[in-house]
PDB file of all heavy atoms in Angstrom:
ATOM      1  N   ILE A   1      34.374 -14.493  12.736  1.00  0.00           N
ATOM      2  CA  ILE A   1      33.380 -14.535  11.651  1.00  0.00           C
ATOM      3  C   ILE A   1      33.545 -13.299  10.784  1.00  0.00           C
ATOM      4  O   ILE A   1      33.606 -12.179  11.294  1.00  0.00           O
ATOM      5  CB  ILE A   1      31.948 -14.598  12.211  1.00  0.00           C
ATOM      6  CG1 ILE A   1      31.759 -15.883  13.018  1.00  0.00           C
ATOM      7  CG2 ILE A   1      30.916 -14.490  11.092  1.00  0.00           C
ATOM      8  CD1 ILE A   1      30.504 -15.917  13.840  1.00  0.00           C
ATOM      9  N   ARG A   2      33.622 -13.508   9.477  1.00  0.00           N
ATOM     10  CA  ARG A   2      33.652 -12.381   8.545  1.00  0.00           C
ATOM     11  C   ARG A   2      32.216 -11.978   8.255  1.00  0.00           C
ATOM     12  O   ARG A   2      31.374 -12.802   7.938  1.00  0.00           O
ATOM     13  CB  ARG A   2      34.350 -12.738   7.230  1.00  0.00           C
ATOM     14  CG  ARG A   2      34.183 -11.606   6.204  1.00  0.00           C
ATOM     15  CD  ARG A   2      35.153 -11.662   5.088  1.00  0.00           C
ATOM     16  NE  ARG A   2      36.532 -11.478   5.476  1.00  0.00           N
ATOM     17  CZ  ARG A   2      37.100 -10.294   5.727  1.00  0.00           C
ATOM     18  NH1 ARG A   2      36.394  -9.180   5.670  1.00  0.00           N
ATOM     19  NH2 ARG A   2      38.374 -10.227   6.047  1.00  0.00           N
ATOM     20  N   TRP A   3      31.957 -10.695   8.375  1.00  0.00           N
ATOM     21  CA  TRP A   3      30.640 -10.130   8.101  1.00  0.00           C
ATOM     22  C   TRP A   3      30.657  -9.361   6.793  1.00  0.00           C
ATOM     23  O   TRP A   3      31.618  -8.653   6.491  1.00  0.00           O
ATOM     24  CB  TRP A   3      30.212  -9.189   9.233  1.00  0.00           C
ATOM     25  CG  TRP A   3      29.770  -9.947  10.439  1.00  0.00           C
ATOM     26  CD1 TRP A   3      30.540 -10.322  11.507  1.00  0.00           C
ATOM     27  CD2 TRP A   3      28.464 -10.448  10.673  1.00  0.00           C
ATOM     28  NE1 TRP A   3      29.779 -11.025  12.401  1.00  0.00           N
ATOM     29  CE2 TRP A   3      28.500 -11.117  11.924  1.00  0.00           C
ATOM     30  CE3 TRP A   3      27.260 -10.404   9.970  1.00  0.00           C
ATOM     31  CZ2 TRP A   3      27.389 -11.736  12.469  1.00  0.00           C
ATOM     32  CZ3 TRP A   3      26.157 -11.011  10.514  1.00  0.00           C
ATOM     33  CH2 TRP A   3      26.216 -11.671  11.749  1.00  0.00           C
ATOM     34  N   VAL A   4      29.585  -9.504   6.044  1.00  0.00           N
ATOM     35  CA  VAL A   4      29.323  -8.725   4.838  1.00  0.00           C
ATOM     36  C   VAL A   4      28.045  -7.954   5.125  1.00  0.00           C
ATOM     37  O   VAL A   4      26.990  -8.550   5.356  1.00  0.00           O
ATOM     38  CB  VAL A   4      29.100  -9.641   3.617  1.00  0.00           C
ATOM     39  CG1 VAL A   4      28.720  -8.825   2.404  1.00  0.00           C
ATOM     40  CG2 VAL A   4      30.312 -10.493   3.358  1.00  0.00           C
ATOM     41  N   ILE A   5      28.140  -6.637   5.142  1.00  0.00           N
ATOM     42  CA  ILE A   5      26.981  -5.813   5.490  1.00  0.00           C
ATOM     43  C   ILE A   5      26.692  -4.858   4.342  1.00  0.00           C
ATOM     44  O   ILE A   5      27.585  -4.166   3.852  1.00  0.00           O
ATOM     45  CB  ILE A   5      27.235  -5.048   6.797  1.00  0.00           C
ATOM     46  CG1 ILE A   5      27.496  -6.054   7.929  1.00  0.00           C
ATOM     47  CG2 ILE A   5      26.046  -4.144   7.127  1.00  0.00           C
ATOM     48  CD1 ILE A   5      28.032  -5.457   9.190  1.00  0.00           C
ATOM     49  N   ASP A   6      25.433  -4.876   3.929  1.00  0.00           N
ATOM     50  CA  ASP A   6      24.996  -3.987   2.852  1.00  0.00           C
ATOM     51  C   ASP A   6      24.011  -2.987   3.437  1.00  0.00           C
ATOM     52  O   ASP A   6      23.038  -3.378   4.083  1.00  0.00           O
ATOM     53  CB  ASP A   6      24.344  -4.809   1.736  1.00  0.00           C
ATOM     54  CG  ASP A   6      24.258  -4.043   0.446  1.00  0.00           C
ATOM     55  OD1 ASP A   6      25.275  -3.466   0.024  1.00  0.00           O
ATOM     56  OD2 ASP A   6      23.164  -4.010  -0.153  1.00  0.00           O
ATOM     57  N   TYR A   7      24.300  -1.708   3.234  1.00  0.00           N
ATOM     58  CA  TYR A   7      23.418  -0.655   3.734  1.00  0.00           C
ATOM     59  C   TYR A   7      22.267  -0.424   2.761  1.00  0.00           C
ATOM     60  O   TYR A   7      22.476  -0.395   1.551  1.00  0.00           O
ATOM     61  CB  TYR A   7      24.175   0.669   3.897  1.00  0.00           C
ATOM     62  CG  TYR A   7      25.366   0.618   4.804  1.00  0.00           C
ATOM     63  CD1 TYR A   7      26.600   1.087   4.369  1.00  0.00           C
ATOM     64  CD2 TYR A   7      25.287   0.121   6.098  1.00  0.00           C
ATOM     65  CE1 TYR A   7      27.713   1.074   5.192  1.00  0.00           C
ATOM     66  CE2 TYR A   7      26.394   0.095   6.923  1.00  0.00           C
ATOM     67  CZ  TYR A   7      27.597   0.574   6.460  1.00  0.00           C
ATOM     68  OH  TYR A   7      28.701   0.548   7.285  1.00  0.00           O
ATOM     69  N   LYS A   8      21.084  -0.229   3.296  1.00  0.00           N
ATOM     70  CA  LYS A   8      19.898   0.079   2.492  1.00  0.00           C
ATOM     71  C   LYS A   8      19.158   1.234   3.157  1.00  0.00           C
ATOM     72  O   LYS A   8      19.011   1.264   4.376  1.00  0.00           O
ATOM     73  CB  LYS A   8      18.956  -1.132   2.384  1.00  0.00           C
ATOM     74  CG  LYS A   8      19.591  -2.349   1.728  1.00  0.00           C
ATOM     75  CD  LYS A   8      19.966  -2.081   0.293  1.00  0.00           C
ATOM     76  CE  LYS A   8      20.597  -3.288  -0.366  1.00  0.00           C
ATOM     77  NZ  LYS A   8      21.223  -2.962  -1.638  1.00  0.00           N
ATOM     78  N   VAL A   9      18.678   2.181   2.359  1.00  0.00           N
ATOM     79  CA  VAL A   9      17.996   3.346   2.919  1.00  0.00           C
ATOM     80  C   VAL A   9      16.473   3.228   2.837  1.00  0.00           C
ATOM     81  O   VAL A   9      15.766   4.175   3.146  1.00  0.00           O
ATOM     82  CB  VAL A   9      18.461   4.666   2.255  1.00  0.00           C
ATOM     83  CG1 VAL A   9      19.919   4.937   2.587  1.00  0.00           C
ATOM     84  CG2 VAL A   9      18.231   4.638   0.765  1.00  0.00           C
ATOM     85  N   SER A  10      15.958   2.075   2.467  1.00  0.00           N
ATOM     86  CA  SER A  10      14.511   1.911   2.407  1.00  0.00           C
ATOM     87  C   SER A  10      13.928   1.769   3.815  1.00  0.00           C
ATOM     88  O   SER A  10      14.634   1.483   4.783  1.00  0.00           O
ATOM     89  CB  SER A  10      14.148   0.701   1.543  1.00  0.00           C
ATOM     90  OG  SER A  10      14.860  -0.439   1.945  1.00  0.00           O
ATOM     91  N   THR A  11      12.627   1.984   3.905  1.00  0.00           N
ATOM     92  CA  THR A  11      11.878   1.879   5.166  1.00  0.00           C
ATOM     93  C   THR A  11      10.613   1.069   4.911  1.00  0.00           C
ATOM     94  O   THR A  11      10.194   0.916   3.764  1.00  0.00           O
ATOM     95  CB  THR A  11      11.508   3.274   5.710  1.00  0.00           C
ATOM     96  OG1 THR A  11      10.739   3.960   4.723  1.00  0.00           O
ATOM     97  CG2 THR A  11      12.764   4.089   6.048  1.00  0.00           C
ATOM     98  N   PRO A  12      10.002   0.553   5.974  1.00  0.00           N
ATOM     99  CA  PRO A  12       8.772  -0.223   5.784  1.00  0.00           C
ATOM    100  C   PRO A  12       7.673   0.617   5.134  1.00  0.00           C
ATOM    101  O   PRO A  12       7.603   1.831   5.304  1.00  0.00           O
ATOM    102  CB  PRO A  12       8.379  -0.617   7.218  1.00  0.00           C
ATOM    103  CG  PRO A  12       9.644  -0.534   7.999  1.00  0.00           C
ATOM    104  CD  PRO A  12      10.428   0.580   7.375  1.00  0.00           C
ATOM    105  N   GLN A  13       6.823  -0.068   4.385  1.00  0.00           N
ATOM    106  CA  GLN A  13       5.657   0.584   3.802  1.00  0.00           C
ATOM    107  C   GLN A  13       4.671   0.894   4.925  1.00  0.00           C
ATOM    108  O   GLN A  13       4.705   0.270   5.987  1.00  0.00           O
ATOM    109  CB  GLN A  13       5.006  -0.328   2.767  1.00  0.00           C
ATOM    110  CG  GLN A  13       5.912  -0.628   1.593  1.00  0.00           C
ATOM    111  CD  GLN A  13       5.319  -1.673   0.647  1.00  0.00           C
ATOM    112  OE1 GLN A  13       4.270  -2.238   0.892  1.00  0.00           O
ATOM    113  NE2 GLN A  13       6.015  -1.917  -0.445  1.00  0.00           N
ATOM    114  N   PRO A  14       3.788   1.872   4.715  1.00  0.00           N
ATOM    115  CA  PRO A  14       2.796   2.180   5.753  1.00  0.00           C
ATOM    116  C   PRO A  14       2.024   0.918   6.163  1.00  0.00           C
ATOM    117  O   PRO A  14       1.535   0.173   5.310  1.00  0.00           O
ATOM    118  CB  PRO A  14       1.873   3.193   5.078  1.00  0.00           C
ATOM    119  CG  PRO A  14       2.741   3.838   4.033  1.00  0.00           C
ATOM    120  CD  PRO A  14       3.654   2.741   3.548  1.00  0.00           C
ATOM    121  N   GLY A  15       1.991   0.655   7.443  1.00  0.00           N
ATOM    122  CA  GLY A  15       1.282  -0.498   7.979  1.00  0.00           C
ATOM    123  C   GLY A  15       2.055  -1.804   7.916  1.00  0.00           C
ATOM    124  O   GLY A  15       1.581  -2.818   8.423  1.00  0.00           O
ATOM    125  N   GLU A  16       3.240  -1.808   7.316  1.00  0.00           N
ATOM    126  CA  GLU A  16       4.040  -3.032   7.210  1.00  0.00           C
ATOM    127  C   GLU A  16       4.838  -3.237   8.500  1.00  0.00           C
ATOM    128  O   GLU A  16       5.502  -2.314   8.980  1.00  0.00           O
ATOM    129  CB  GLU A  16       4.995  -2.926   6.018  1.00  0.00           C
ATOM    130  CG  GLU A  16       5.827  -4.166   5.784  1.00  0.00           C
ATOM    131  CD  GLU A  16       6.745  -4.050   4.572  1.00  0.00           C
ATOM    132  OE1 GLU A  16       7.201  -2.921   4.249  1.00  0.00           O
ATOM    133  OE2 GLU A  16       7.003  -5.081   3.946  1.00  0.00           O
ATOM    134  N   SER A  17       4.763  -4.430   9.045  1.00  0.00           N
ATOM    135  CA  SER A  17       5.539  -4.713  10.256  1.00  0.00           C
ATOM    136  C   SER A  17       7.020  -4.766   9.911  1.00  0.00           C
ATOM    137  O   SER A  17       7.413  -5.007   8.762  1.00  0.00           O
ATOM    138  CB  SER A  17       5.110  -6.048  10.871  1.00  0.00           C
ATOM    139  OG  SER A  17       5.560  -7.125  10.063  1.00  0.00           O
ATOM    140  N   GLU A  18       7.836  -4.550  10.918  1.00  0.00           N
ATOM    141  CA  GLU A  18       9.283  -4.620  10.720  1.00  0.00           C
ATOM    142  C   GLU A  18       9.688  -6.013  10.263  1.00  0.00           C
ATOM    143  O   GLU A  18      10.534  -6.168   9.377  1.00  0.00           O
ATOM    144  CB  GLU A  18       9.998  -4.233  12.008  1.00  0.00           C
ATOM    145  CG  GLU A  18      11.475  -4.022  11.827  1.00  0.00           C
ATOM    146  CD  GLU A  18      12.137  -3.480  13.074  1.00  0.00           C
ATOM    147  OE1 GLU A  18      12.457  -4.299  13.972  1.00  0.00           O
ATOM    148  OE2 GLU A  18      12.334  -2.256  13.156  1.00  0.00           O
ATOM    149  N   ALA A  19       9.087  -7.043  10.838  1.00  0.00           N
ATOM    150  CA  ALA A  19       9.414  -8.424  10.458  1.00  0.00           C
ATOM    151  C   ALA A  19       9.077  -8.682   8.990  1.00  0.00           C
ATOM    152  O   ALA A  19       9.870  -9.300   8.269  1.00  0.00           O
ATOM    153  CB  ALA A  19       8.676  -9.408  11.357  1.00  0.00           C
ATOM    154  N   ALA A  20       7.925  -8.212   8.548  1.00  0.00           N
ATOM    155  CA  ALA A  20       7.534  -8.394   7.144  1.00  0.00           C
ATOM    156  C   ALA A  20       8.460  -7.618   6.217  1.00  0.00           C
ATOM    157  O   ALA A  20       8.846  -8.098   5.150  1.00  0.00           O
ATOM    158  CB  ALA A  20       6.087  -7.962   6.934  1.00  0.00           C
ATOM    159  N   PHE A  21       8.824  -6.413   6.624  1.00  0.00           N
ATOM    160  CA  PHE A  21       9.754  -5.584   5.852  1.00  0.00           C
ATOM    161  C   PHE A  21      11.102  -6.288   5.708  1.00  0.00           C
ATOM    162  O   PHE A  21      11.635  -6.405   4.602  1.00  0.00           O
ATOM    163  CB  PHE A  21       9.914  -4.228   6.545  1.00  0.00           C
ATOM    164  CG  PHE A  21      11.014  -3.373   5.987  1.00  0.00           C
ATOM    165  CD1 PHE A  21      10.900  -2.794   4.731  1.00  0.00           C
ATOM    166  CD2 PHE A  21      12.163  -3.134   6.734  1.00  0.00           C
ATOM    167  CE1 PHE A  21      11.929  -1.996   4.219  1.00  0.00           C
ATOM    168  CE2 PHE A  21      13.181  -2.335   6.234  1.00  0.00           C
ATOM    169  CZ  PHE A  21      13.067  -1.763   4.968  1.00  0.00           C
ATOM    170  N   PHE A  22      11.655  -6.772   6.824  1.00  0.00           N
ATOM    171  CA  PHE A  22      12.939  -7.459   6.775  1.00  0.00           C
ATOM    172  C   PHE A  22      12.868  -8.702   5.884  1.00  0.00           C
ATOM    173  O   PHE A  22      13.772  -8.968   5.092  1.00  0.00           O
ATOM    174  CB  PHE A  22      13.411  -7.851   8.173  1.00  0.00           C
ATOM    175  CG  PHE A  22      13.839  -6.692   9.035  1.00  0.00           C
ATOM    176  CD1 PHE A  22      13.856  -6.822  10.407  1.00  0.00           C
ATOM    177  CD2 PHE A  22      14.236  -5.482   8.483  1.00  0.00           C
ATOM    178  CE1 PHE A  22      14.268  -5.769  11.218  1.00  0.00           C
ATOM    179  CE2 PHE A  22      14.640  -4.424   9.277  1.00  0.00           C
ATOM    180  CZ  PHE A  22      14.653  -4.572  10.647  1.00  0.00           C
ATOM    181  N   SER A  23      11.820  -9.464   6.009  1.00  0.00           N
ATOM    182  CA  SER A  23      11.652 -10.663   5.192  1.00  0.00           C
ATOM    183  C   SER A  23      11.612 -10.312   3.706  1.00  0.00           C
ATOM    184  O   SER A  23      12.272 -10.953   2.879  1.00  0.00           O
ATOM    185  CB  SER A  23      10.370 -11.391   5.605  1.00  0.00           C
ATOM    186  OG  SER A  23      10.183 -12.526   4.799  1.00  0.00           O
ATOM    187  N   ARG A  24      10.870  -9.283   3.366  1.00  0.00           N
ATOM    188  CA  ARG A  24      10.755  -8.842   1.972  1.00  0.00           C
ATOM    189  C   ARG A  24      12.108  -8.378   1.437  1.00  0.00           C
ATOM    190  O   ARG A  24      12.515  -8.732   0.327  1.00  0.00           O
ATOM    191  CB  ARG A  24       9.708  -7.727   1.889  1.00  0.00           C
ATOM    192  CG  ARG A  24       9.491  -7.170   0.499  1.00  0.00           C
ATOM    193  CD  ARG A  24       8.264  -6.264   0.454  1.00  0.00           C
ATOM    194  NE  ARG A  24       8.308  -5.130   1.354  1.00  0.00           N
ATOM    195  CZ  ARG A  24       8.882  -3.951   1.062  1.00  0.00           C
ATOM    196  NH1 ARG A  24       9.475  -3.771  -0.103  1.00  0.00           N
ATOM    197  NH2 ARG A  24       8.848  -2.962   1.943  1.00  0.00           N
ATOM    198  N   LYS A  25      12.827  -7.607   2.215  1.00  0.00           N
ATOM    199  CA  LYS A  25      14.115  -7.080   1.770  1.00  0.00           C
ATOM    200  C   LYS A  25      15.181  -8.176   1.680  1.00  0.00           C
ATOM    201  O   LYS A  25      16.022  -8.162   0.772  1.00  0.00           O
ATOM    202  CB  LYS A  25      14.585  -5.944   2.682  1.00  0.00           C
ATOM    203  CG  LYS A  25      13.748  -4.692   2.529  1.00  0.00           C
ATOM    204  CD  LYS A  25      13.806  -4.193   1.097  1.00  0.00           C
ATOM    205  CE  LYS A  25      12.931  -3.006   0.855  1.00  0.00           C
ATOM    206  NZ  LYS A  25      13.030  -2.510  -0.530  1.00  0.00           N
ATOM    207  N   LEU A  26      15.155  -9.123   2.601  1.00  0.00           N
ATOM    208  CA  LEU A  26      16.110 -10.227   2.512  1.00  0.00           C
ATOM    209  C   LEU A  26      15.895 -11.032   1.230  1.00  0.00           C
ATOM    210  O   LEU A  26      16.857 -11.431   0.578  1.00  0.00           O
ATOM    211  CB  LEU A  26      16.013 -11.136   3.738  1.00  0.00           C
ATOM    212  CG  LEU A  26      16.735 -10.641   4.976  1.00  0.00           C
ATOM    213  CD1 LEU A  26      16.396 -11.504   6.183  1.00  0.00           C
ATOM    214  CD2 LEU A  26      18.242 -10.589   4.766  1.00  0.00           C
ATOM    215  N   GLU A  27      14.659 -11.261   0.872  1.00  0.00           N
ATOM    216  CA  GLU A  27      14.392 -11.979  -0.374  1.00  0.00           C
ATOM    217  C   GLU A  27      14.801 -11.142  -1.578  1.00  0.00           C
ATOM    218  O   GLU A  27      15.352 -11.660  -2.548  1.00  0.00           O
ATOM    219  CB  GLU A  27      12.925 -12.398  -0.460  1.00  0.00           C
ATOM    220  CG  GLU A  27      12.604 -13.553   0.448  1.00  0.00           C
ATOM    221  CD  GLU A  27      13.596 -14.712   0.337  1.00  0.00           C
ATOM    222  OE1 GLU A  27      13.846 -15.208  -0.792  1.00  0.00           O
ATOM    223  OE2 GLU A  27      14.143 -15.122   1.374  1.00  0.00           O
ATOM    224  N   GLN A  28      14.559  -9.846  -1.523  1.00  0.00           N
ATOM    225  CA  GLN A  28      14.923  -8.955  -2.624  1.00  0.00           C
ATOM    226  C   GLN A  28      16.434  -8.933  -2.856  1.00  0.00           C
ATOM    227  O   GLN A  28      16.888  -8.909  -3.998  1.00  0.00           O
ATOM    228  CB  GLN A  28      14.424  -7.545  -2.328  1.00  0.00           C
ATOM    229  CG  GLN A  28      14.741  -6.536  -3.408  1.00  0.00           C
ATOM    230  CD  GLN A  28      14.196  -5.152  -3.085  1.00  0.00           C
ATOM    231  OE1 GLN A  28      13.452  -4.952  -2.117  1.00  0.00           O
ATOM    232  NE2 GLN A  28      14.566  -4.190  -3.893  1.00  0.00           N
ATOM    233  N   TYR A  29      17.208  -8.937  -1.782  1.00  0.00           N
ATOM    234  CA  TYR A  29      18.655  -8.797  -1.883  1.00  0.00           C
ATOM    235  C   TYR A  29      19.433 -10.082  -1.620  1.00  0.00           C
ATOM    236  O   TYR A  29      20.656 -10.049  -1.535  1.00  0.00           O
ATOM    237  CB  TYR A  29      19.133  -7.686  -0.944  1.00  0.00           C
ATOM    238  CG  TYR A  29      18.627  -6.335  -1.378  1.00  0.00           C
ATOM    239  CD1 TYR A  29      17.617  -5.685  -0.669  1.00  0.00           C
ATOM    240  CD2 TYR A  29      19.123  -5.721  -2.521  1.00  0.00           C
ATOM    241  CE1 TYR A  29      17.131  -4.454  -1.084  1.00  0.00           C
ATOM    242  CE2 TYR A  29      18.641  -4.491  -2.941  1.00  0.00           C
ATOM    243  CZ  TYR A  29      17.651  -3.866  -2.217  1.00  0.00           C
ATOM    244  OH  TYR A  29      17.165  -2.655  -2.638  1.00  0.00           O
ATOM    245  N   ARG A  30      18.741 -11.205  -1.512  1.00  0.00           N
ATOM    246  CA  ARG A  30      19.399 -12.489  -1.235  1.00  0.00           C
ATOM    247  C   ARG A  30      20.505 -12.783  -2.254  1.00  0.00           C
ATOM    248  O   ARG A  30      21.620 -13.135  -1.884  1.00  0.00           O
ATOM    249  CB  ARG A  30      18.378 -13.621  -1.229  1.00  0.00           C
ATOM    250  CG  ARG A  30      19.010 -15.002  -1.017  1.00  0.00           C
ATOM    251  CD  ARG A  30      17.972 -16.090  -0.938  1.00  0.00           C
ATOM    252  NE  ARG A  30      17.108 -15.902   0.207  1.00  0.00           N
ATOM    253  CZ  ARG A  30      17.411 -16.264   1.451  1.00  0.00           C
ATOM    254  NH1 ARG A  30      18.566 -16.830   1.709  1.00  0.00           N
ATOM    255  NH2 ARG A  30      16.566 -16.054   2.438  1.00  0.00           N
ATOM    256  N   GLY A  31      20.215 -12.649  -3.524  1.00  0.00           N
ATOM    257  CA  GLY A  31      21.202 -12.946  -4.565  1.00  0.00           C
ATOM    258  C   GLY A  31      22.440 -12.081  -4.443  1.00  0.00           C
ATOM    259  O   GLY A  31      23.570 -12.564  -4.599  1.00  0.00           O
ATOM    260  N   GLN A  32      22.243 -10.809  -4.176  1.00  0.00           N
ATOM    261  CA  GLN A  32      23.366  -9.878  -4.020  1.00  0.00           C
ATOM    262  C   GLN A  32      24.237 -10.290  -2.831  1.00  0.00           C
ATOM    263  O   GLN A  32      25.465 -10.379  -2.951  1.00  0.00           O
ATOM    264  CB  GLN A  32      22.832  -8.462  -3.825  1.00  0.00           C
ATOM    265  CG  GLN A  32      23.904  -7.432  -3.594  1.00  0.00           C
ATOM    266  CD  GLN A  32      23.322  -6.045  -3.301  1.00  0.00           C
ATOM    267  OE1 GLN A  32      22.120  -5.849  -3.229  1.00  0.00           O
ATOM    268  NE2 GLN A  32      24.195  -5.089  -3.123  1.00  0.00           N
ATOM    269  N   LEU A  33      23.621 -10.558  -1.699  1.00  0.00           N
ATOM    270  CA  LEU A  33      24.380 -10.942  -0.505  1.00  0.00           C
ATOM    271  C   LEU A  33      25.110 -12.269  -0.709  1.00  0.00           C
ATOM    272  O   LEU A  33      26.264 -12.421  -0.299  1.00  0.00           O
ATOM    273  CB  LEU A  33      23.454 -11.025   0.710  1.00  0.00           C
ATOM    274  CG  LEU A  33      22.870  -9.706   1.204  1.00  0.00           C
ATOM    275  CD1 LEU A  33      21.840  -9.961   2.292  1.00  0.00           C
ATOM    276  CD2 LEU A  33      23.963  -8.767   1.697  1.00  0.00           C
ATOM    277  N   GLU A  34      24.454 -13.224  -1.344  1.00  0.00           N
ATOM    278  CA  GLU A  34      25.093 -14.518  -1.595  1.00  0.00           C
ATOM    279  C   GLU A  34      26.268 -14.374  -2.561  1.00  0.00           C
ATOM    280  O   GLU A  34      27.279 -15.056  -2.411  1.00  0.00           O
ATOM    281  CB  GLU A  34      24.068 -15.526  -2.106  1.00  0.00           C
ATOM    282  CG  GLU A  34      23.105 -15.960  -1.017  1.00  0.00           C
ATOM    283  CD  GLU A  34      21.985 -16.868  -1.504  1.00  0.00           C
ATOM    284  OE1 GLU A  34      21.773 -16.977  -2.735  1.00  0.00           O
ATOM    285  OE2 GLU A  34      21.328 -17.477  -0.638  1.00  0.00           O
TER     286      GLU A  34
END
């Protein structure tokens, strides 16, 4: 499997769960990754 990995230095907002953070960032960067 070929992997495409994009590094991001952002962190969750105060009180934001890791799952919510990941979901938000995946939607933000979906176009770039695709």
